[in-house]
Amino acid sequence: MLSALPVRPSTGRFAPSPTGKLHIGNVYTALGAYLSARRFAHSRFILRIEDLDTSKDTKRESEKIIRDLEWLGFDWDDLVFQSERLDIYREALKEIKNLNPEDPLIYPCSCSRKEICAESPADPIDGMRVYKGKCRKNPPASAQGCSLRLKVPHEGEKRVEVRDFIFGPRIFDLERQIGDAVLMRRDGQFTYQLAVAVDDGIEGIGQVVRGRDLLKSSALQIYIRRLLGLKDLRFAHLPLILENGGGKMSKSRGSVDVTALKEWGASPERIIGFCAWLMHLYPAPMPVPLGIEECVKLFSYKKVKFGPNRLGDVELPAYFSDPHWWKTGAERFERTLYGIHG
């Protein structure tokens, strides 16, 4: 049994992957996670760097993410790196393997990514593909060079409810909507699904705040947590920020990042105020500069609206560089009217 801290609603986390620069969508998610935890008087907030990908040099990007978050005004009670927890993930995988020796829940899979892509379309929101179970039905002759998959139930308790502050209760069928998931890749690297379920358990996370594209993953992580004897927690999946073309923001697409915003002359308050505006934390037609502590007083899940937030790149430079932009014309916003001071 893994050593886990008690689940507490006041314990939250932000878990960026150091695969590129911190873009505005990451800051938006970080702010939601931070405010959700810090609204409690005795909160605990963890910054977790998801640096499992050993094929990349993540040290430099990790340091840059940490510096950018500090510059924006974030603080945390603990800083952890997934790369330092490999023994814990190995223990968790072994624990799941030993749950049912007669019919093990873990099995080797020799299917290539190309084969899986050919037989299962990607979900348009999260990109997940439902594995059809080829190697579950016909195990490979040798486990050497194989990934390790987790069997999801095909009968009985195969439906999992995700309790979400924003999207409400959502029920997912593990077999039909998710399929058997890889917990260890063929190169020996642990996957996100196993690592995050373990991390949230041993850290006592009580609420997970992240993007809408990970809503379905929550059902799988709940299943993994239950296998490991970890308690359920609550989720809040923020509506995605979409770029003008309708695609979600990503590091690989070169979405607007903190470095670019600094070059435009943006202050931390302008960036935080913009993200709070995207989250609908204050009723203004245009964003205004705000500090993180101001946002803590404004935060409520009831304000966060369901649906995508479209981001207009053309408008961003003016807002972030012009100190008088938010005061112009009919779009003027009286901060004191809503109890926002500073």
Protein backbone atom coordinates (compact mmCIF):
# COMPACT_ATOMS: atom_id res chain seq x y z
CA MET A 1 0.00 0.00 0.00
CA LEU A 2 1.35 3.39 -0.99
CA SER A 3 1.96 5.89 1.77
CA ALA A 4 -0.62 8.59 1.08
CA LEU A 5 -1.49 11.82 2.82
CA PRO A 6 -5.13 12.47 3.81
CA VAL A 7 -7.17 13.98 0.98
CA ARG A 8 -7.85 17.65 1.80
CA PRO A 9 -9.95 20.10 -0.26
CA SER A 10 -7.43 22.84 0.56
CA THR A 11 -4.55 20.97 -1.09
CA GLY A 12 -4.08 21.72 -4.77
CA ARG A 13 -1.39 21.55 -7.41
CA PHE A 14 -0.19 22.79 -10.76
CA ALA A 15 1.71 20.23 -12.81
CA PRO A 16 3.33 21.62 -15.98
CA SER A 17 5.32 19.52 -18.41
CA PRO A 18 8.73 21.09 -19.25
CA THR A 19 8.47 20.48 -23.00
CA GLY A 20 8.37 24.13 -24.03
CA LYS A 21 7.66 27.68 -22.94
CA LEU A 22 4.86 28.54 -20.52
CA HIS A 23 2.02 29.84 -22.71
CA ILE A 24 -1.04 31.87 -21.73
CA GLY A 25 -3.17 28.70 -21.50
CA ASN A 26 -0.77 27.26 -18.93
CA VAL A 27 -0.94 30.45 -16.88
CA TYR A 28 -4.76 30.35 -17.06
CA THR A 29 -4.75 26.78 -15.72
CA ALA A 30 -2.14 27.58 -13.07
CA LEU A 31 -4.24 30.50 -11.87
CA GLY A 32 -7.36 28.35 -11.59
CA ALA A 33 -5.49 25.70 -9.61
CA TYR A 34 -3.84 28.28 -7.37
CA LEU A 35 -7.01 30.23 -6.60
CA SER A 36 -9.00 27.07 -5.95
CA ALA A 37 -6.53 26.07 -3.23
CA ARG A 38 -5.64 29.49 -1.79
CA ARG A 39 -9.29 30.40 -1.16
CA PHE A 40 -8.92 28.25 1.98
CA ALA A 41 -7.28 29.84 5.03
CA HIS A 42 -4.88 26.94 5.64
CA SER A 43 -4.15 25.86 2.09
CA ARG A 44 -1.32 23.84 0.62
CA PHE A 45 -0.25 24.34 -2.98
CA ILE A 46 2.25 22.13 -4.81
CA LEU A 47 4.20 22.81 -7.98
CA ARG A 48 4.89 19.47 -9.63
CA ILE A 49 7.17 19.32 -12.66
CA GLU A 50 6.11 16.42 -14.91
CA ASP A 51 9.55 15.62 -16.31
CA LEU A 52 9.17 11.91 -17.03
CA ASP A 53 10.22 12.21 -20.67
CA THR A 54 13.88 11.20 -20.39
CA SER A 55 14.39 11.60 -24.14
CA LYS A 56 14.49 15.39 -23.69
CA ASP A 57 16.67 17.74 -21.68
CA THR A 58 14.00 19.15 -19.38
CA LYS A 59 16.22 20.83 -16.78
CA ARG A 60 16.50 24.17 -18.59
CA GLU A 61 12.79 24.33 -19.44
CA SER A 62 11.88 23.38 -15.86
CA GLU A 63 13.97 26.22 -14.48
CA LYS A 64 12.40 28.67 -16.91
CA ILE A 65 8.86 27.60 -15.97
CA ILE A 66 9.70 28.07 -12.27
CA ARG A 67 11.14 31.55 -12.92
CA ASP A 68 8.15 32.61 -15.00
CA LEU A 69 5.68 31.45 -12.35
CA GLU A 70 7.60 33.30 -9.62
CA TRP A 71 7.67 36.45 -11.79
CA LEU A 72 3.90 36.20 -12.22
CA GLY A 73 3.43 36.14 -8.43
CA PHE A 74 2.77 32.45 -7.76
CA ASP A 75 4.11 30.78 -4.64
CA TRP A 76 4.00 27.17 -3.51
CA ASP A 77 4.52 25.11 -0.40
CA ASP A 78 6.39 22.29 -2.10
CA LEU A 79 8.25 21.78 -5.38
CA VAL A 80 8.49 18.20 -6.65
CA PHE A 81 9.83 16.50 -9.78
CA GLN A 82 8.32 13.31 -11.16
CA SER A 83 11.79 12.16 -12.28
CA GLU A 84 12.66 11.74 -8.58
CA ARG A 85 9.74 9.37 -7.96
CA LEU A 86 10.53 6.48 -10.30
CA ASP A 87 10.85 3.99 -7.42
CA ILE A 88 7.40 4.99 -6.16
CA TYR A 89 5.82 4.47 -9.59
CA ARG A 90 7.59 1.12 -9.85
CA GLU A 91 6.13 0.12 -6.48
CA ALA A 92 2.64 1.19 -7.60
CA LEU A 93 2.89 -0.82 -10.83
CA LYS A 94 4.03 -3.88 -8.86
CA GLU A 95 1.13 -3.44 -6.45
CA ILE A 96 -1.38 -3.45 -9.30
CA LYS A 97 0.33 -6.49 -10.86
CA ASN A 98 -0.06 -8.45 -7.62
CA LEU A 99 -3.74 -7.67 -7.08
CA ASN A 100 -5.02 -10.72 -8.98
CA PRO A 101 -2.27 -13.29 -9.64
CA GLU A 102 -4.66 -15.73 -11.36
CA ASP A 103 -5.77 -13.14 -13.91
CA PRO A 104 -3.24 -10.27 -13.78
CA LEU A 105 -4.51 -6.76 -14.46
CA ILE A 106 -1.23 -5.87 -16.22
CA TYR A 107 -0.26 -7.46 -19.53
CA PRO A 108 2.42 -6.90 -22.21
CA CYS A 109 1.42 -5.22 -25.45
CA SER A 110 3.46 -5.32 -28.67
CA CYS A 111 1.11 -3.11 -30.73
CA SER A 112 2.77 -0.16 -32.41
CA ARG A 113 1.37 3.36 -32.36
CA LYS A 114 0.75 3.05 -36.10
CA GLU A 115 -1.40 -0.06 -35.57
CA ILE A 116 -3.43 1.59 -32.81
CA CYS A 117 -3.97 4.77 -34.86
CA ALA A 118 -5.18 2.67 -37.80
CA GLU A 119 -7.87 0.88 -35.81
CA SER A 120 -9.07 3.64 -33.47
CA PRO A 121 -9.80 7.31 -34.31
CA ALA A 122 -8.52 10.00 -31.96
CA ASP A 123 -11.03 11.80 -29.78
CA PRO A 124 -11.34 15.37 -31.17
CA ILE A 125 -11.10 16.91 -27.69
CA ASP A 126 -8.46 14.92 -25.83
CA GLY A 127 -6.77 12.93 -28.60
CA MET A 128 -7.29 9.64 -26.74
CA ARG A 129 -7.71 6.41 -28.72
CA VAL A 130 -9.63 3.40 -27.40
CA TYR A 131 -7.39 0.33 -27.50
CA LYS A 132 -9.30 -2.62 -28.97
CA GLY A 133 -7.53 -5.22 -26.85
CA LYS A 134 -5.56 -7.18 -29.46
CA CYS A 135 -2.78 -8.22 -27.04
CA ARG A 136 -5.24 -8.76 -24.21
CA LYS A 137 -6.89 -11.48 -26.32
CA ASN A 138 -3.69 -12.79 -27.92
CA PRO A 139 -0.67 -12.11 -25.66
CA PRO A 140 2.70 -11.72 -27.40
CA ALA A 141 5.13 -14.64 -27.11
CA SER A 142 7.60 -12.48 -25.19
CA ALA A 143 7.21 -9.41 -23.00
CA GLN A 144 10.59 -8.08 -24.12
CA GLY A 145 10.27 -4.74 -25.91
CA CYS A 146 6.58 -4.47 -25.02
CA SER A 147 4.63 -1.79 -23.24
CA LEU A 148 2.58 -2.72 -20.16
CA ARG A 149 -1.17 -2.17 -20.26
CA LEU A 150 -3.81 -2.07 -17.54
CA LYS A 151 -6.98 -4.07 -18.05
CA VAL A 152 -10.14 -2.04 -17.53
CA PRO A 153 -13.34 -3.87 -16.51
CA HIS A 154 -15.50 -5.29 -19.29
CA GLU A 155 -18.35 -6.03 -16.93
CA GLY A 156 -19.50 -5.12 -13.45
CA GLU A 157 -18.14 -1.80 -12.19
CA LYS A 158 -16.85 -0.52 -15.49
CA ARG A 159 -18.56 2.87 -15.28
CA VAL A 160 -16.80 5.63 -13.33
CA GLU A 161 -18.31 8.92 -12.20
CA VAL A 162 -16.14 12.03 -12.30
CA ARG A 163 -17.42 14.72 -9.93
CA ASP A 164 -16.52 18.05 -11.46
CA PHE A 165 -17.13 21.52 -10.03
CA ILE A 166 -17.64 23.03 -13.50
CA PHE A 167 -18.98 20.28 -15.76
CA GLY A 168 -20.98 18.53 -13.05
CA PRO A 169 -21.08 14.74 -12.61
CA ARG A 170 -19.91 12.89 -15.72
CA ILE A 171 -20.03 9.11 -16.12
CA PHE A 172 -17.55 7.29 -18.36
CA ASP A 173 -17.57 3.67 -19.54
CA LEU A 174 -13.98 2.47 -19.10
CA GLU A 175 -14.21 -0.28 -21.71
CA ARG A 176 -16.10 1.62 -24.41
CA GLN A 177 -14.70 5.14 -24.00
CA ILE A 178 -11.15 4.59 -22.71
CA GLY A 179 -9.92 1.03 -23.15
CA ASP A 180 -6.87 -0.66 -21.66
CA ALA A 181 -4.29 2.01 -20.89
CA VAL A 182 -0.51 1.90 -21.12
CA LEU A 183 1.12 2.35 -17.69
CA MET A 184 4.70 1.77 -18.83
CA ARG A 185 6.00 2.42 -22.33
CA ARG A 186 8.19 -0.04 -24.19
CA ASP A 187 11.23 2.13 -23.37
CA GLY A 188 10.58 1.66 -19.65
CA GLN A 189 9.13 5.14 -19.07
CA PHE A 190 6.09 5.42 -16.81
CA THR A 191 3.11 7.12 -18.38
CA TYR A 192 1.24 10.22 -17.32
CA GLN A 193 -1.86 8.25 -16.30
CA LEU A 194 -0.05 6.15 -13.68
CA ALA A 195 2.27 8.88 -12.44
CA VAL A 196 -0.42 11.53 -11.90
CA ALA A 197 -2.75 9.11 -10.10
CA VAL A 198 0.07 8.14 -7.74
CA ASP A 199 1.31 11.71 -7.27
CA ASP A 200 -2.10 13.09 -6.37
CA GLY A 201 -2.52 10.29 -3.85
CA ILE A 202 0.78 10.54 -2.01
CA GLU A 203 0.52 14.35 -1.92
CA GLY A 204 -2.99 14.32 -0.44
CA ILE A 205 -4.40 16.40 -3.31
CA GLY A 206 -8.08 17.12 -2.65
CA GLN A 207 -8.91 18.96 -5.86
CA VAL A 208 -7.42 18.70 -9.32
CA VAL A 209 -7.82 21.76 -11.54
CA ARG A 210 -6.80 21.42 -15.19
CA GLY A 211 -8.09 21.74 -18.75
CA ARG A 212 -11.28 20.29 -20.22
CA ASP A 213 -9.22 18.02 -22.50
CA LEU A 214 -8.27 15.87 -19.50
CA LEU A 215 -11.81 15.24 -18.26
CA LYS A 216 -11.97 11.70 -19.62
CA SER A 217 -8.51 10.90 -18.24
CA SER A 218 -9.91 11.59 -14.78
CA ALA A 219 -12.11 8.49 -15.00
CA LEU A 220 -9.09 6.31 -15.74
CA GLN A 221 -7.09 7.93 -12.94
CA ILE A 222 -9.93 7.34 -10.49
CA TYR A 223 -9.88 3.66 -11.47
CA ILE A 224 -6.09 3.48 -10.94
CA ARG A 225 -6.39 5.26 -7.59
CA ARG A 226 -9.00 2.78 -6.40
CA LEU A 227 -6.79 -0.17 -7.37
CA LEU A 228 -4.06 1.38 -5.22
CA GLY A 229 -6.40 1.96 -2.29
CA LEU A 230 -6.38 5.74 -2.70
CA LYS A 231 -9.45 7.83 -1.96
CA ASP A 232 -11.45 9.70 -4.60
CA LEU A 233 -11.04 13.45 -5.00
CA ARG A 234 -12.84 16.30 -6.73
CA PHE A 235 -12.03 17.81 -10.10
CA ALA A 236 -12.50 21.10 -11.88
CA HIS A 237 -11.84 21.04 -15.60
CA LEU A 238 -11.54 24.56 -16.95
CA PRO A 239 -13.08 25.43 -20.34
CA LEU A 240 -10.34 25.47 -22.96
CA ILE A 241 -8.84 28.65 -24.37
CA LEU A 242 -9.02 28.45 -28.17
CA GLU A 243 -6.93 30.38 -30.63
CA ASN A 244 -8.57 32.27 -33.49
CA GLY A 245 -8.52 29.20 -35.74
CA GLY A 246 -10.45 27.18 -33.16
CA GLY A 247 -7.53 24.99 -32.05
CA LYS A 248 -6.55 24.65 -28.42
CA MET A 249 -3.40 26.36 -27.20
CA SER A 250 -0.24 24.27 -27.10
CA LYS A 251 3.52 24.62 -26.84
CA SER A 252 4.02 22.74 -30.11
CA ARG A 253 1.84 25.25 -31.99
CA GLY A 254 3.88 28.18 -30.70
CA SER A 255 1.00 29.69 -28.74
CA VAL A 256 1.53 33.07 -27.07
CA ASP A 257 3.94 32.47 -24.19
CA VAL A 258 5.17 34.43 -21.19
CA THR A 259 8.46 35.28 -22.92
CA ALA A 260 6.59 36.95 -25.81
CA LEU A 261 4.33 38.78 -23.37
CA LYS A 262 7.37 40.17 -21.53
CA GLU A 263 8.76 41.39 -24.86
CA TRP A 264 5.49 43.22 -25.49
CA GLY A 265 6.01 44.97 -22.15
CA ALA A 266 3.44 43.02 -20.18
CA SER A 267 3.43 43.22 -16.41
CA PRO A 268 2.50 40.23 -14.23
CA GLU A 269 -0.73 42.04 -13.28
CA ARG A 270 -1.77 42.36 -16.93
CA ILE A 271 -1.23 38.67 -17.58
CA ILE A 272 -3.00 37.56 -14.40
CA GLY A 273 -5.84 40.02 -14.99
CA PHE A 274 -6.28 38.71 -18.52
CA CYS A 275 -6.45 35.08 -17.33
CA ALA A 276 -8.92 36.03 -14.59
CA TRP A 277 -11.04 37.77 -17.24
CA LEU A 278 -11.00 34.63 -19.42
CA MET A 279 -12.21 32.75 -16.33
CA HIS A 280 -15.06 35.30 -15.92
CA LEU A 281 -13.99 36.15 -12.38
CA TYR A 282 -15.05 39.79 -12.81
CA PRO A 283 -17.85 41.21 -15.00
CA ALA A 284 -16.02 43.46 -17.44
CA PRO A 285 -16.24 43.69 -21.25
CA MET A 286 -12.44 43.86 -21.43
CA PRO A 287 -9.63 42.58 -19.16
CA VAL A 288 -7.99 44.75 -16.51
CA PRO A 289 -4.70 44.30 -14.62
CA LEU A 290 -5.06 42.36 -11.36
CA GLY A 291 -2.71 40.85 -8.82
CA ILE A 292 -3.04 37.24 -7.72
CA GLU A 293 -4.18 38.17 -4.21
CA GLU A 294 -6.98 40.28 -5.69
CA CYS A 295 -8.07 37.27 -7.72
CA VAL A 296 -8.18 35.05 -4.62
CA LYS A 297 -10.93 37.30 -3.23
CA LEU A 298 -12.87 37.11 -6.49
CA PHE A 299 -12.65 33.38 -7.12
CA SER A 300 -15.75 31.19 -7.30
CA TYR A 301 -16.50 28.17 -9.48
CA LYS A 302 -19.98 29.57 -10.03
CA LYS A 303 -18.45 32.33 -12.16
CA VAL A 304 -16.55 30.01 -14.50
CA LYS A 305 -18.68 29.57 -17.61
CA PHE A 306 -19.03 26.32 -19.52
CA GLY A 307 -17.75 26.49 -23.07
CA PRO A 308 -14.59 27.56 -24.93
CA ASN A 309 -12.94 30.93 -24.50
CA ARG A 310 -11.71 32.22 -27.85
CA LEU A 311 -8.46 34.13 -27.80
CA GLY A 312 -7.86 36.98 -30.25
CA ASP A 313 -4.11 37.15 -30.85
CA VAL A 314 -4.44 40.42 -32.78
CA GLU A 315 -5.77 42.22 -29.71
CA LEU A 316 -3.17 40.96 -27.27
CA PRO A 317 -0.16 43.22 -27.97
CA ALA A 318 -2.20 46.37 -27.43
CA TYR A 319 -3.61 45.21 -24.11
CA PHE A 320 -0.29 44.00 -22.74
CA SER A 321 1.81 46.97 -23.85
CA ASP A 322 -0.48 50.02 -23.56
CA PRO A 323 -0.93 51.14 -19.93
CA HIS A 324 -4.09 53.09 -20.86
CA TRP A 325 -5.69 50.44 -23.11
CA TRP A 326 -8.27 49.25 -20.59
CA LYS A 327 -9.47 52.78 -19.78
CA THR A 328 -10.57 53.79 -23.29
CA GLY A 329 -14.04 54.64 -24.62
CA ALA A 330 -17.23 52.77 -23.81
CA GLU A 331 -15.25 49.79 -22.59
CA ARG A 332 -14.10 51.60 -19.46
CA PHE A 333 -14.34 49.43 -16.38
CA GLU A 334 -14.67 50.88 -12.88
CA ARG A 335 -12.67 48.47 -10.73
CA THR A 336 -14.01 49.77 -7.41
CA LEU A 337 -17.57 49.07 -8.57
CA TYR A 338 -16.88 45.37 -8.09
CA GLY A 339 -14.74 45.61 -4.99
CA ILE A 340 -11.44 45.26 -6.85
CA HIS A 341 -8.81 47.52 -5.37
CA GLY A 342 -5.17 48.19 -6.17
